[in-house]
Protein backbone atom coordinates (compact mmCIF):
# COMPACT_ATOMS: atom_id res chain seq x y z
CA MET A 1 15.46 -85.01 71.85
CA ASN A 2 17.85 -83.71 74.74
CA THR A 3 17.32 -80.21 74.66
CA LEU A 4 20.12 -78.21 76.50
CA ARG A 5 19.40 -76.08 79.47
CA PHE A 6 21.65 -73.05 80.09
CA SER A 7 21.61 -69.98 82.43
CA PHE A 8 21.46 -66.21 80.92
CA ALA A 9 20.37 -63.06 82.34
CA VAL A 10 17.14 -61.38 81.23
CA ASN A 11 15.59 -57.94 82.06
CA THR A 12 11.76 -57.80 81.85
CA ALA A 13 11.47 -54.23 82.95
CA GLY A 14 10.99 -52.67 79.16
CA ARG A 15 10.16 -53.87 75.57
CA ASP A 16 12.15 -53.70 72.38
CA LYS A 17 14.24 -50.35 72.75
CA ASP A 18 11.86 -48.61 75.03
CA TRP A 19 13.60 -48.59 78.28
CA ASP A 20 14.17 -46.55 81.30
CA PHE A 21 18.21 -46.57 81.28
CA GLU A 22 18.57 -47.19 85.13
CA LYS A 23 16.02 -49.93 84.78
CA LEU A 24 18.19 -51.33 81.92
CA ALA A 25 21.27 -51.34 84.12
CA THR A 26 20.04 -52.75 87.32
CA GLY A 27 16.75 -55.25 86.65
CA TYR A 28 18.66 -58.43 85.32
CA GLN A 29 17.75 -61.89 86.78
CA ASP A 30 19.80 -64.89 86.10
CA ILE A 31 17.73 -67.68 84.78
CA GLU A 32 17.94 -71.24 83.60
CA GLY A 33 15.91 -72.39 80.40
CA THR A 34 16.20 -73.75 76.97
CA ILE A 35 16.35 -71.94 73.38
CA ALA A 36 12.57 -71.94 73.77
CA ASP A 37 12.66 -69.95 76.71
CA MET A 38 15.26 -67.42 75.22
CA ILE A 39 12.74 -67.23 72.13
CA HIS A 40 10.14 -66.34 74.57
CA HIS A 41 11.86 -63.36 76.08
CA VAL A 42 13.05 -62.28 72.61
CA GLN A 43 9.56 -62.10 71.37
CA SER A 44 8.39 -60.21 74.56
CA GLY A 45 10.88 -57.60 73.97
CA HIS A 46 13.05 -58.28 76.80
CA ALA A 47 16.68 -57.46 77.08
CA LEU A 48 19.18 -60.30 77.29
CA CYS A 49 22.79 -60.37 78.67
CA ALA A 50 25.11 -63.50 78.04
CA GLY A 51 26.89 -62.66 81.14
CA LEU A 52 25.48 -64.01 84.44
CA LEU A 53 25.03 -61.04 86.82
CA ASN A 54 23.85 -62.61 90.23
CA SER A 55 21.07 -59.86 90.39
CA GLN A 56 23.94 -57.19 90.49
CA ARG A 57 23.99 -54.18 88.31
CA ARG A 58 25.01 -54.63 84.75
CA SER A 59 28.85 -54.01 84.19
CA LYS A 60 31.85 -56.07 83.16
CA ALA A 61 32.99 -56.22 86.71
CA ASN A 62 29.63 -57.92 88.07
CA VAL A 63 30.04 -60.73 85.32
CA THR A 64 30.28 -64.07 87.25
CA GLY A 65 30.35 -66.39 84.10
CA SER A 66 28.40 -67.30 81.14
CA GLN A 67 26.99 -70.43 79.27
CA LEU A 68 26.54 -68.88 75.78
CA LEU A 69 28.12 -66.45 73.30
CA LEU A 70 26.19 -63.71 71.48
CA LEU A 71 27.36 -62.48 68.17
CA ASP A 72 25.85 -59.36 66.51
CA ILE A 73 25.68 -59.17 62.70
CA ASP A 74 24.70 -55.67 61.33
CA ASN A 75 26.28 -55.56 58.09
CA SER A 76 27.34 -52.09 58.71
CA LYS A 77 30.27 -49.94 59.67
CA GLY A 78 30.68 -46.17 61.14
CA LEU A 79 30.36 -43.36 59.08
CA THR A 80 33.65 -41.15 59.05
CA ASP A 81 35.23 -38.57 57.17
CA SER A 82 38.31 -38.87 54.92
CA ASP A 83 40.64 -38.74 58.29
CA GLY A 84 38.69 -41.28 59.80
CA ASN A 85 36.83 -39.07 62.37
CA PRO A 86 33.22 -40.18 63.25
CA LEU A 87 30.27 -38.55 61.72
CA ASP A 88 26.71 -38.82 62.31
CA ASP A 89 23.77 -39.56 60.04
CA GLN A 90 24.07 -35.84 58.84
CA ASN A 91 27.68 -35.85 58.33
CA ARG A 92 28.34 -33.68 61.33
CA PRO A 93 31.41 -34.42 63.52
CA ILE A 94 30.77 -36.11 66.68
CA ARG A 95 32.50 -36.71 70.16
CA ILE A 96 36.16 -38.26 69.56
CA GLY A 97 37.34 -39.86 72.78
CA ARG A 98 37.41 -37.86 75.81
CA GLN A 99 37.62 -34.48 73.93
CA ASN A 100 34.75 -32.77 71.56
CA VAL A 101 36.41 -31.50 68.59
CA ASP A 102 34.98 -29.83 65.35
CA ILE A 103 36.14 -31.34 62.01
CA GLN A 104 39.25 -29.28 62.14
CA GLY A 105 40.12 -30.83 65.44
CA ASN A 106 39.55 -27.66 67.62
CA PRO A 107 37.84 -28.12 70.97
CA ILE A 108 34.09 -27.70 71.26
CA ASP A 109 32.70 -26.40 74.48
CA LYS A 110 29.53 -28.36 74.70
CA PRO A 111 29.36 -32.05 74.71
CA ASP A 112 27.99 -33.61 71.44
CA ARG A 113 26.24 -36.99 72.32
CA ARG A 114 24.88 -37.78 68.72
CA LYS A 115 25.53 -41.42 67.61
CA GLN A 116 27.83 -42.33 64.81
CA GLY A 117 25.97 -42.79 61.32
CA LYS A 118 26.30 -45.99 59.74
CA VAL A 119 26.70 -47.24 56.36
CA TYR A 120 26.17 -50.58 54.76
CA HIS A 121 28.88 -52.69 54.95
CA HIS A 122 28.50 -56.37 53.81
CA GLN A 123 29.40 -59.05 56.73
CA LEU A 124 26.79 -62.00 56.38
CA THR A 125 23.39 -62.14 55.15
CA ILE A 126 20.79 -64.70 57.05
CA GLU A 127 20.93 -66.97 54.11
CA GLU A 128 24.99 -67.11 54.31
CA ALA A 129 25.02 -67.37 57.80
CA ILE A 130 22.73 -70.61 57.90
CA ALA A 131 24.78 -71.86 54.93
CA HIS A 132 27.95 -71.47 57.26
CA PRO A 133 29.55 -74.84 58.02
CA PHE A 134 30.50 -73.54 61.44
CA ILE A 135 27.44 -71.91 62.13
CA HIS A 136 25.07 -74.68 60.77
CA ALA A 137 26.85 -77.08 63.05
CA HIS A 138 27.09 -75.00 66.45
CA ALA A 139 24.83 -72.34 66.36
CA ALA A 140 21.51 -72.81 68.65
CA LEU A 141 19.39 -69.69 67.45
CA ILE A 142 19.49 -66.79 64.98
CA TYR A 143 17.03 -64.08 65.52
CA THR A 144 16.37 -60.76 63.88
CA SER A 145 16.83 -57.31 65.42
CA ALA A 146 14.65 -54.70 65.50
CA SER A 147 16.31 -52.71 62.70
CA HIS A 148 16.30 -55.65 60.37
CA LYS A 149 15.00 -55.03 56.42
CA PRO A 150 15.24 -57.49 53.63
CA SER A 151 17.51 -54.92 52.08
CA TRP A 152 19.62 -54.68 55.03
CA HIS A 153 20.10 -57.83 57.38
CA LYS A 154 20.65 -57.44 61.05
CA PHE A 155 20.49 -60.38 63.52
CA ARG A 156 21.89 -62.04 66.22
CA ILE A 157 23.46 -65.67 66.38
CA VAL A 158 23.45 -67.64 69.75
CA PHE A 159 26.26 -69.98 70.43
CA LEU A 160 25.72 -72.19 73.69
CA LEU A 161 28.98 -73.49 75.49
CA PRO A 162 29.19 -76.83 76.58
CA GLU A 163 30.10 -75.74 80.33
CA LEU A 164 29.95 -72.77 82.54
CA VAL A 165 32.83 -70.34 81.62
CA GLN A 166 33.80 -68.08 84.61
CA GLY A 167 35.53 -64.59 84.44
CA SER A 168 34.60 -61.77 82.23
CA ASP A 169 37.99 -61.90 80.76
CA THR A 170 37.66 -65.46 79.72
CA ILE A 171 34.19 -64.77 78.34
CA GLU A 172 35.63 -61.63 75.97
CA ALA A 173 38.43 -64.02 75.03
CA LEU A 174 36.14 -66.56 73.53
CA VAL A 175 34.09 -63.91 71.90
CA ARG A 176 37.18 -62.60 70.17
CA TYR A 177 38.30 -66.01 69.06
CA LEU A 178 34.67 -66.58 67.66
CA MET A 179 34.81 -63.08 65.95
CA ALA A 180 38.05 -63.82 64.53
CA HIS A 181 36.41 -66.39 62.28
CA LEU A 182 33.19 -64.78 61.60
CA PRO A 183 32.02 -61.54 60.30
CA HIS A 184 30.64 -59.43 63.29
CA ASP A 185 29.76 -56.11 65.02
CA PRO A 186 32.99 -55.36 66.79
CA ALA A 187 31.22 -53.54 69.62
CA CYS A 188 29.45 -56.77 70.81
CA LYS A 189 32.84 -58.26 72.60
CA ASP A 190 31.62 -57.14 75.91
CA SER A 191 30.98 -59.39 78.16
CA SER A 192 28.10 -57.41 79.98
CA ARG A 193 26.76 -56.10 76.58
CA VAL A 194 23.03 -55.58 76.51
CA PHE A 195 21.02 -57.20 73.43
CA TYR A 196 17.52 -55.52 73.16
CA GLY A 197 14.61 -57.88 72.63
CA ASN A 198 12.36 -57.65 69.29
CA THR A 199 8.34 -58.23 69.54
CA GLN A 200 8.70 -58.68 65.61
CA ALA A 201 11.64 -61.10 65.51
CA GLU A 202 11.71 -63.91 62.97
CA PHE A 203 13.81 -67.16 63.90
CA PRO A 204 15.40 -68.35 60.77
CA LEU A 205 17.40 -70.84 62.66
CA VAL A 206 16.51 -72.97 65.65
CA ASN A 207 18.78 -75.76 66.69
CA PRO A 208 18.20 -76.05 70.51
CA ASP A 209 20.72 -78.98 71.08
CA ALA A 210 23.66 -77.17 69.31
CA ALA A 211 26.70 -76.11 71.13
CA LEU A 212 30.21 -75.35 70.56
CA PRO A 213 32.43 -78.21 71.36
CA LEU A 214 34.82 -78.55 74.30
CA GLU A 215 37.91 -78.66 71.93
CA TRP A 216 36.83 -75.10 70.66
CA ILE A 217 36.71 -73.93 74.13
CA ALA A 218 40.51 -75.11 74.63
CA GLN A 219 41.45 -73.61 71.09
CA ALA A 220 39.92 -70.35 71.99
CA LYS A 221 41.66 -70.17 75.66
CA ALA A 222 45.21 -71.34 74.15
CA ALA A 223 44.87 -68.45 71.55
CA ALA A 224 44.23 -65.91 74.46
CA VAL A 225 47.00 -67.09 76.34
CA GLU A 226 49.36 -66.91 73.30
CA ALA A 227 47.91 -63.46 72.16
CA LYS A 228 48.50 -62.19 76.03
CA ALA A 229 52.18 -63.60 76.03
CA GLU A 230 52.70 -61.72 72.61
CA TYR A 231 51.30 -58.42 74.04
CA ASP A 232 53.45 -58.94 77.11
CA ARG A 233 56.45 -59.47 74.80
CA ARG A 234 55.88 -56.16 72.87
CA ILE A 235 55.32 -54.08 76.04
CA THR A 236 58.47 -55.31 77.55
CA GLU A 237 60.48 -54.51 74.47
CA ALA A 238 58.68 -51.14 74.34
CA ILE A 239 59.99 -50.43 77.87
CA ALA A 240 63.46 -51.67 77.17
CA ARG A 241 63.67 -49.01 74.22
CA ARG A 242 62.44 -46.21 76.13
CA ASP A 243 64.93 -46.99 78.98
CA GLN A 244 67.75 -47.32 76.56
CA LEU A 245 66.86 -43.69 75.12
CA ARG A 246 66.57 -42.23 78.56
CA GLN A 247 70.00 -43.76 79.26
CA THR A 248 71.41 -42.43 76.26
CA ALA A 249 69.83 -39.24 76.82
CA ASP A 250 71.36 -38.86 80.22
CA GLN A 251 74.87 -40.12 79.15
CA GLU A 252 74.91 -37.31 76.11
CA GLY A 253 73.14 -34.64 78.05
CA TRP A 254 70.37 -34.56 75.66
CA ASN A 255 67.41 -32.30 76.41
CA LEU A 256 64.43 -34.50 75.58
CA ASP A 257 61.64 -31.92 76.40
CA GLU A 258 63.38 -29.60 73.78
CA LEU A 259 63.94 -32.60 71.16
CA ILE A 260 60.18 -33.54 71.48
CA GLU A 261 59.05 -30.21 70.91
CA GLN A 262 61.33 -29.71 68.03
CA ALA A 263 60.03 -33.01 66.46
CA LEU A 264 56.29 -32.10 67.14
CA THR A 265 56.69 -28.80 64.70
CA TYR A 266 57.34 -31.45 61.85
CA ILE A 267 53.78 -32.78 61.93
CA PRO A 268 51.07 -31.09 59.81
CA PRO A 269 48.23 -29.58 61.85
CA ARG A 270 45.02 -31.31 62.24
CA GLN A 271 42.41 -30.05 59.60
CA GLN A 272 40.02 -31.25 57.12
CA GLY A 273 41.50 -33.55 54.37
CA SER A 274 45.34 -33.65 56.27
CA GLY A 275 45.00 -37.29 56.42
CA ASN A 276 47.15 -37.49 59.27
CA TYR A 277 44.66 -38.75 61.96
CA ASP A 278 46.17 -42.12 62.65
CA GLU A 279 49.66 -40.40 62.63
CA CYS A 280 48.67 -37.85 65.46
CA ARG A 281 46.78 -40.43 67.32
CA GLN A 282 50.15 -42.48 67.61
CA VAL A 283 52.05 -39.59 68.56
CA LEU A 284 49.68 -38.82 71.36
CA MET A 285 49.93 -42.47 72.53
CA ALA A 286 53.87 -42.08 72.54
CA LEU A 287 53.52 -38.95 74.40
CA HIS A 288 51.47 -40.26 77.17
CA SER A 289 53.84 -43.30 77.24
CA HIS A 290 56.65 -41.02 78.10
CA TYR A 291 55.13 -38.46 80.12
CA GLY A 292 52.53 -40.24 82.02
CA GLU A 293 49.13 -38.83 83.19
CA ALA A 294 50.72 -35.54 83.78
């Protein structure tokens, strides 16, 4: 057996989810090992990071590369009200973006840092994951997370890369490509994301010689380039439309500020049950695009 060796970042300063958060951000060491070594660290409750950090503080800017991709399957989705606003487990409104608001959208003076509640949303059971042809062929490890239950499967899938991939942007492009083909927790795309260990973990799949094929890496990179080109094209078109609008406004003597103010009066106010959260969000983005940070 030619067991693959790879590098990953590990933090041994805590256990399971019992952490000093400053140590969680700063205590990583890049090590080289096998899947057996990773299993040891998971069982010890150590925190893992797929991105290599060169002993620096855990952040996207400090990720130098990666030799593996970690996918989080938690079979859940965020709890929201009828307008899509996030709620906690007691159905109380929580912080939205940079602004703290109540259920009617009115500002709240004190910050509310409660976590968004979760409800069960089927993505993939462990049995389905093991039977999945792509996972069966290319995943090196599956292990259960601390909140896993027989009635609510929560687990991680580890995919080894056939070569070191450098740069956090490239790593995240690979993760997005992987996510596009498998159910997932969308929060795990960050190249510097921490994955807690689990002293009670189970390991239903251990395949230490499996890795993603080189051609898959090439496909993922090509898809990222194509997506970036499409994004740039849409931005260019949007800028052209904006410039054309401003030129027309200048030629015909429009008062854009007055027109915008009048247009905003046609949007129903934000309140519970209004159902216009997405509309208001898009309008705010448009206003930011037109006026800038000011």
